[in-house]
Amino acid sequence: MKSRVRHICSYLTPARVFADIGCDHGYMTKYMLDRGLCERAYISDISAKSLAKAETLLQEHIERGACIPVVADGLRGIPERCDLVLIAGLGGEEIVNILQDIPLPTRFVLQPMKNSEKVRRMLVSRGAAIEVDHTFSEGEARKKYYDLICGTNAGGDKYSELEFRYGRDNLNGKMPVPFLFQMEEEREKLIERLSRPALGDRSRASILEKLNETEEIIHDMQTTLRDRR
């Protein structure tokens, strides 16, 4: 099991009915069912061909009626309310499209591949309580960074503009290390972009503004880590 999958699984909580939307190979549903963390699980994908991968892995659970495969767009084909909904590996805009026109799940675990800011804004605008919001990494030589957003459908969170863009737990120091590495890599990319000879004045000013913000965040993260030693 990849470290990305293990990290997401560590935030899955017991539920009566669990749904894995865009379930890929079905590893996280298998984690839930093998450990008795849910009575019933739905695996859903818009593509029958893609869903077949998870059906193969979860065949035993499907045969005993504990896992129900559904070819559907998001949650629309699932016939009952789910206590816990997982959406991992989809784009942020796609996650927003899945959740914005239906009642929010009681609990959610979301791992957008990009556009995490749009997911945060949608959740906060709908009165969700975001309990976990951090960056984590996978790999060694070439790390990949992912955002994890977990919470409940009731709580009325308020976020600052920086928290919307970067994730609250990253900025408050709960999970500083992967985020710090990501910001240091972002700084190098911005410096490289500034060195390009054909850069216009407007683009240069925008990059400098982003670089200054990144430098401030890195400084704050380094201070947080130093204070903890």
Protein backbone atom coordinates (compact mmCIF):
# COMPACT_ATOMS: atom_id res chain seq x y z
CA MET A 1 0.00 0.00 0.00
CA LYS A 2 1.44 3.37 -1.02
CA SER A 3 2.26 5.87 1.71
CA ARG A 4 -0.34 8.27 0.26
CA VAL A 5 -3.06 5.64 0.72
CA ARG A 6 -1.83 4.77 4.24
CA HIS A 7 -1.89 8.41 5.25
CA ILE A 8 -5.45 8.91 4.03
CA CYS A 9 -6.60 5.66 5.68
CA SER A 10 -5.28 6.86 9.03
CA TYR A 11 -7.98 9.56 8.97
CA LEU A 12 -10.88 7.23 8.14
CA THR A 13 -13.18 6.80 11.13
CA PRO A 14 -15.83 4.17 11.98
CA ALA A 15 -19.10 4.62 10.11
CA ARG A 16 -22.33 2.74 9.52
CA VAL A 17 -22.35 3.49 5.78
CA PHE A 18 -19.15 4.46 3.97
CA ALA A 19 -18.80 5.71 0.39
CA ASP A 20 -15.60 5.83 -1.66
CA ILE A 21 -16.18 8.15 -4.62
CA GLY A 22 -13.81 7.73 -7.55
CA CYS A 23 -12.54 4.65 -5.73
CA ASP A 24 -9.67 3.71 -8.08
CA HIS A 25 -8.41 0.26 -7.03
CA GLY A 26 -10.53 0.19 -3.86
CA TYR A 27 -7.68 -0.04 -1.35
CA MET A 28 -9.23 2.39 1.10
CA THR A 29 -12.60 0.64 1.03
CA LYS A 30 -10.79 -2.63 1.66
CA TYR A 31 -9.09 -0.98 4.65
CA MET A 32 -12.50 -0.03 6.08
CA LEU A 33 -14.15 -3.42 5.47
CA ASP A 34 -11.22 -5.62 6.53
CA ARG A 35 -11.10 -3.83 9.88
CA GLY A 36 -14.84 -3.80 10.47
CA LEU A 37 -14.92 0.00 10.43
CA CYS A 38 -18.21 0.11 8.54
CA GLU A 39 -21.28 -2.08 8.15
CA ARG A 40 -21.67 -1.32 4.47
CA ALA A 41 -19.56 0.38 1.82
CA TYR A 42 -20.36 1.83 -1.59
CA ILE A 43 -17.66 2.09 -4.23
CA SER A 44 -18.49 4.53 -7.00
CA ASP A 45 -16.94 5.59 -10.27
CA ILE A 46 -18.34 7.27 -13.37
CA SER A 47 -16.59 4.63 -15.51
CA ALA A 48 -17.61 0.95 -15.34
CA LYS A 49 -14.17 0.00 -16.63
CA SER A 50 -12.44 1.90 -13.82
CA LEU A 51 -14.84 0.52 -11.22
CA ALA A 52 -13.98 -3.03 -12.30
CA LYS A 53 -10.52 -2.70 -10.70
CA ALA A 54 -12.05 -2.13 -7.28
CA GLU A 55 -14.66 -4.84 -7.84
CA THR A 56 -11.87 -7.35 -8.39
CA LEU A 57 -10.10 -6.39 -5.17
CA LEU A 58 -13.32 -6.32 -3.14
CA GLN A 59 -15.02 -9.37 -4.67
CA GLU A 60 -15.31 -11.22 -1.36
CA HIS A 61 -16.95 -8.25 0.36
CA ILE A 62 -19.27 -7.73 -2.63
CA GLU A 63 -20.37 -11.37 -2.57
CA ARG A 64 -21.34 -11.16 1.10
CA GLY A 65 -23.29 -7.93 0.51
CA ALA A 66 -21.04 -5.63 2.51
CA CYS A 67 -19.77 -3.70 -0.53
CA ILE A 68 -22.00 -2.32 -3.27
CA PRO A 69 -20.45 -1.11 -6.55
CA VAL A 70 -22.24 1.76 -8.30
CA VAL A 71 -21.51 3.31 -11.68
CA ALA A 72 -22.48 6.91 -11.01
CA ASP A 73 -21.46 10.54 -11.16
CA GLY A 74 -20.35 11.27 -7.62
CA LEU A 75 -22.88 10.48 -4.89
CA ARG A 76 -25.94 10.75 -7.11
CA GLY A 77 -26.30 7.01 -7.68
CA ILE A 78 -25.93 6.01 -4.02
CA PRO A 79 -29.38 5.21 -2.61
CA GLU A 80 -28.83 6.05 1.07
CA ARG A 81 -27.24 8.67 3.28
CA CYS A 82 -23.61 7.93 4.12
CA ASP A 83 -22.01 8.66 7.47
CA LEU A 84 -18.54 8.98 5.95
CA VAL A 85 -17.62 9.95 2.39
CA LEU A 86 -14.14 9.69 0.94
CA ILE A 87 -13.16 11.49 -2.25
CA ALA A 88 -9.46 11.09 -2.97
CA GLY A 89 -7.42 11.59 -6.12
CA LEU A 90 -9.84 13.86 -7.97
CA GLY A 91 -9.32 17.52 -8.83
CA GLY A 92 -10.62 20.16 -6.48
CA GLU A 93 -13.11 21.51 -9.00
CA GLU A 94 -14.47 18.01 -9.52
CA ILE A 95 -14.87 17.53 -5.75
CA VAL A 96 -16.72 20.85 -5.55
CA ASN A 97 -19.04 19.78 -8.39
CA ILE A 98 -19.80 16.51 -6.59
CA LEU A 99 -20.63 18.10 -3.24
CA GLN A 100 -21.97 21.58 -3.92
CA ASP A 101 -25.57 20.69 -4.90
CA ILE A 102 -26.29 17.98 -2.31
CA PRO A 103 -26.37 17.90 1.51
CA LEU A 104 -22.83 17.65 2.82
CA PRO A 105 -21.90 14.22 4.23
CA THR A 106 -21.93 13.86 8.01
CA ARG A 107 -18.18 13.30 7.83
CA PHE A 108 -15.87 13.76 4.86
CA VAL A 109 -12.28 12.93 3.98
CA LEU A 110 -11.12 14.78 0.86
CA GLN A 111 -7.79 14.63 -0.94
CA PRO A 112 -7.87 16.97 -3.93
CA MET A 113 -5.06 16.68 -6.46
CA LYS A 114 -5.20 20.43 -7.18
CA ASN A 115 -7.38 23.49 -6.50
CA SER A 116 -7.61 22.73 -2.77
CA GLU A 117 -8.47 26.37 -2.17
CA LYS A 118 -11.76 25.95 -4.06
CA VAL A 119 -12.64 22.94 -1.90
CA ARG A 120 -11.97 24.88 1.31
CA ARG A 121 -14.05 27.84 0.14
CA MET A 122 -16.98 25.61 -0.80
CA LEU A 123 -16.91 23.79 2.56
CA VAL A 124 -16.67 26.96 4.63
CA SER A 125 -19.41 28.68 2.59
CA ARG A 126 -21.70 25.74 3.39
CA GLY A 127 -21.08 25.79 7.13
CA ALA A 128 -18.76 22.80 7.42
CA ALA A 129 -16.34 22.29 10.28
CA ILE A 130 -12.87 21.54 8.91
CA GLU A 131 -10.96 19.55 11.53
CA VAL A 132 -7.91 18.51 9.48
CA ASP A 133 -6.33 20.59 6.71
CA HIS A 134 -2.70 19.86 5.95
CA THR A 135 -0.15 18.95 3.32
CA PHE A 136 1.59 15.57 3.33
CA SER A 137 4.17 14.05 1.03
CA GLU A 138 4.98 10.82 -0.75
CA GLY A 139 8.30 9.71 -2.22
CA GLU A 140 11.92 10.47 -1.48
CA ALA A 141 13.99 11.72 -4.43
CA ARG A 142 11.06 13.48 -6.10
CA LYS A 143 8.44 14.14 -3.47
CA LYS A 144 4.81 14.59 -4.39
CA TYR A 145 2.69 16.81 -2.17
CA TYR A 146 -0.99 16.32 -1.42
CA ASP A 147 -3.57 18.18 0.66
CA LEU A 148 -5.88 16.37 3.07
CA ILE A 149 -9.11 18.04 4.22
CA CYS A 150 -11.35 16.28 6.77
CA GLY A 151 -14.30 17.40 8.85
CA THR A 152 -18.03 17.37 9.46
CA ASN A 153 -21.07 19.00 7.92
CA ALA A 154 -21.82 21.33 10.84
CA GLY A 155 -19.63 23.83 12.61
CA GLY A 156 -19.52 27.17 10.81
CA ASP A 157 -15.76 27.51 10.30
CA LYS A 158 -14.12 30.82 9.45
CA TYR A 159 -10.95 30.94 7.39
CA SER A 160 -8.50 33.73 6.60
CA GLU A 161 -7.41 34.35 3.02
CA LEU A 162 -4.03 32.71 3.68
CA GLU A 163 -5.74 29.69 5.24
CA PHE A 164 -7.95 29.30 2.19
CA ARG A 165 -4.89 29.31 -0.06
CA TYR A 166 -2.46 27.24 1.98
CA GLY A 167 -4.40 25.18 4.54
CA ARG A 168 -5.02 26.03 8.18
CA ASP A 169 -2.97 23.28 9.83
CA ASN A 170 0.03 24.15 7.67
CA LEU A 171 -0.01 27.77 8.79
CA ASN A 172 -0.75 27.12 12.47
CA GLY A 173 2.17 24.69 12.73
CA LYS A 174 0.31 21.43 13.36
CA MET A 175 1.93 19.76 10.33
CA PRO A 176 4.79 22.10 9.34
CA VAL A 177 7.46 19.85 7.82
CA PRO A 178 5.97 18.69 4.47
CA PHE A 179 4.48 22.13 3.93
CA LEU A 180 7.85 23.78 4.65
CA PHE A 181 9.57 21.56 2.09
CA GLN A 182 6.85 22.34 -0.45
CA MET A 183 7.24 26.07 0.14
CA GLU A 184 11.03 25.85 -0.20
CA GLU A 185 10.59 24.12 -3.55
CA GLU A 186 8.06 26.77 -4.58
CA ARG A 187 10.58 29.49 -3.67
CA GLU A 188 13.19 27.93 -5.97
CA LYS A 189 10.69 27.77 -8.83
CA LEU A 190 9.77 31.44 -8.37
CA ILE A 191 13.43 32.48 -8.30
CA GLU A 192 14.02 30.54 -11.50
CA ARG A 193 11.05 32.25 -13.17
CA LEU A 194 12.43 35.67 -12.19
CA SER A 195 15.68 34.87 -14.02
CA ARG A 196 13.97 34.46 -17.39
CA PRO A 197 15.04 37.32 -19.71
CA ALA A 198 11.74 37.80 -21.54
CA LEU A 199 9.70 38.40 -18.39
CA GLY A 200 7.37 41.42 -18.60
CA ASP A 201 7.04 44.03 -15.86
CA ARG A 202 3.58 42.89 -14.80
CA SER A 203 4.61 39.25 -14.61
CA ARG A 204 7.77 40.17 -12.70
CA ALA A 205 5.77 42.17 -10.14
CA SER A 206 3.32 39.28 -9.66
CA ILE A 207 6.13 36.77 -9.16
CA LEU A 208 7.91 39.06 -6.71
CA GLU A 209 4.73 39.46 -4.69
CA LYS A 210 4.29 35.67 -4.59
CA LEU A 211 7.96 35.21 -3.68
CA ASN A 212 7.73 37.67 -0.79
CA GLU A 213 4.66 35.87 0.56
CA THR A 214 6.43 32.51 0.22
CA GLU A 215 9.50 33.85 2.04
CA GLU A 216 7.33 35.08 4.92
CA ILE A 217 5.63 31.70 5.23
CA ILE A 218 8.97 29.87 5.18
CA HIS A 219 10.31 32.17 7.89
CA ASP A 220 7.26 31.54 10.08
CA MET A 221 7.52 27.76 9.60
CA GLN A 222 11.24 27.75 10.41
CA THR A 223 10.56 29.79 13.54
CA THR A 224 7.84 27.34 14.60
CA LEU A 225 10.16 24.35 14.18
CA ARG A 226 13.03 26.11 15.97
CA ASP A 227 10.80 27.00 18.93
CA ARG A 228 9.81 23.34 19.30
CA ARG A 229 13.39 22.13 19.74
